[in-house]
Protein backbone atom coordinates (compact mmCIF):
# COMPACT_ATOMS: atom_id res chain seq x y z
CA MET A 1 -86.19 -161.97 40.61
CA ALA A 2 -89.82 -161.38 41.47
CA ILE A 3 -91.77 -164.39 42.66
CA ASN A 4 -94.46 -164.87 40.04
CA ASN A 5 -96.47 -168.03 40.42
CA ASP A 6 -98.80 -167.50 37.47
CA LYS A 7 -96.62 -169.74 35.37
CA ALA A 8 -93.39 -171.68 35.45
CA VAL A 9 -90.85 -169.11 34.31
CA ASP A 10 -87.54 -169.89 32.65
CA ILE A 11 -84.54 -169.05 34.79
CA SER A 12 -80.83 -168.99 34.10
CA GLU A 13 -77.86 -170.10 36.15
CA CYS A 14 -77.41 -166.60 37.57
CA GLU A 15 -80.99 -166.61 38.94
CA PHE A 16 -80.86 -170.16 40.26
CA GLU A 17 -79.50 -169.62 43.79
CA GLU A 18 -81.85 -166.74 44.54
CA THR A 19 -84.79 -168.77 43.23
CA VAL A 20 -84.19 -171.97 45.22
CA ASN A 21 -83.29 -170.04 48.38
CA ASN A 22 -86.50 -168.01 48.52
CA GLY A 23 -87.94 -169.76 51.59
CA LYS A 24 -90.51 -171.69 49.56
CA THR A 25 -90.64 -175.17 48.14
CA VAL A 26 -89.32 -174.86 44.59
CA VAL A 27 -89.66 -177.31 41.70
CA VAL A 28 -87.02 -176.89 39.00
CA ASP A 29 -87.90 -178.51 35.67
CA PHE A 30 -84.59 -179.32 33.94
CA TYR A 31 -85.54 -179.60 30.25
CA ALA A 32 -84.40 -179.15 26.66
CA GLU A 33 -86.37 -177.69 23.75
CA TRP A 34 -85.68 -180.76 21.57
CA CYS A 35 -86.89 -183.25 24.21
CA MET A 36 -90.37 -184.60 23.41
CA PRO A 37 -91.16 -185.80 26.99
CA CYS A 38 -90.10 -182.31 28.19
CA LEU A 39 -92.57 -180.72 25.78
CA MET A 40 -95.27 -183.11 27.00
CA ILE A 41 -94.75 -182.29 30.69
CA ALA A 42 -94.57 -178.50 30.14
CA PRO A 43 -98.37 -177.93 30.21
CA VAL A 44 -98.62 -180.10 33.34
CA ILE A 45 -96.02 -177.91 35.08
CA GLU A 46 -97.84 -174.74 33.94
CA GLU A 47 -101.14 -176.07 35.32
CA LEU A 48 -99.56 -176.99 38.66
CA ALA A 49 -97.87 -173.57 38.90
CA ASP A 50 -101.28 -171.98 38.54
CA LYS A 51 -102.93 -174.40 40.97
CA ILE A 52 -100.40 -174.79 43.83
CA LYS A 53 -99.59 -171.33 45.15
CA ASP A 54 -97.34 -172.59 47.99
CA VAL A 55 -94.79 -173.95 45.50
CA LYS A 56 -92.64 -172.01 43.04
CA PHE A 57 -92.23 -173.75 39.68
CA VAL A 58 -89.39 -172.77 37.35
CA LYS A 59 -87.79 -174.22 34.22
CA LEU A 60 -84.08 -174.49 33.45
CA ASN A 61 -82.87 -175.26 29.93
CA VAL A 62 -80.03 -177.79 30.24
CA ASP A 63 -78.52 -176.79 26.90
CA ASP A 64 -78.16 -173.18 28.04
CA ASN A 65 -77.13 -174.06 31.62
CA GLN A 66 -74.89 -177.11 31.24
CA GLU A 67 -72.75 -176.46 34.32
CA LEU A 68 -75.78 -176.34 36.60
CA ALA A 69 -77.19 -179.51 35.05
CA ARG A 70 -73.83 -181.22 35.67
CA LYS A 71 -73.67 -179.89 39.24
CA TYR A 72 -77.00 -181.57 40.04
CA GLY A 73 -76.23 -184.75 38.10
CA VAL A 74 -79.01 -184.28 35.58
CA SER A 75 -78.37 -186.90 32.91
CA SER A 76 -81.96 -187.72 31.92
CA ILE A 77 -84.66 -185.19 31.13
CA PRO A 78 -87.21 -184.10 32.01
CA CYS A 79 -85.87 -184.04 35.54
CA LEU A 80 -87.90 -182.31 38.24
CA ILE A 81 -85.83 -181.47 41.30
CA ILE A 82 -87.67 -180.33 44.43
CA PHE A 83 -85.81 -177.88 46.65
CA LYS A 84 -86.79 -176.92 50.19
CA ASP A 85 -84.86 -174.15 51.94
CA GLY A 86 -82.28 -174.23 49.15
CA LYS A 87 -81.52 -177.95 49.45
CA GLU A 88 -82.53 -180.75 47.11
CA VAL A 89 -85.08 -182.96 48.88
CA ASP A 90 -86.45 -185.04 46.01
CA ARG A 91 -86.34 -185.61 42.26
CA MET A 92 -88.55 -187.13 39.61
CA ILE A 93 -87.12 -188.26 36.27
CA GLY A 94 -89.12 -188.73 33.09
CA ASN A 95 -92.61 -187.74 32.12
CA GLN A 96 -94.93 -187.45 35.13
CA THR A 97 -98.63 -186.89 35.64
CA GLY A 98 -99.87 -183.85 37.51
CA GLU A 99 -101.29 -186.15 40.18
CA ALA A 100 -97.94 -187.89 40.71
CA ILE A 101 -96.16 -184.55 41.08
CA GLU A 102 -98.81 -183.22 43.48
CA GLU A 103 -98.61 -186.38 45.57
CA ARG A 104 -94.82 -186.11 45.80
CA LEU A 105 -95.02 -182.41 46.72
CA ALA A 106 -97.57 -182.96 49.48
CA SER A 107 -94.95 -183.99 52.02
CA TYR A 108 -92.94 -180.78 51.46
CA LEU A 109 -95.77 -178.30 52.02
């Protein structure tokens, strides 16, 4: 999968490992299309993906990737999981502001 930081692209379970093990800090937005807070945070994630070039932002639909959501214990959405060198280092659950996400990411850059 090509690293494209212009926007937060949707990935599937088969792309997940390659994406989080790309040597960058990666934010995975676990979401569902029917989830109103997920829809509200989507433009924030898109804006951050455009703004913060040192971080890769991706989205993962929990309805289409249930095993992966279970593997990472995602029971509430939106759930942003931050990966560094392929390992989970942090997570944020619920609707977040861009500033809160940026502040949390600062320590991983």
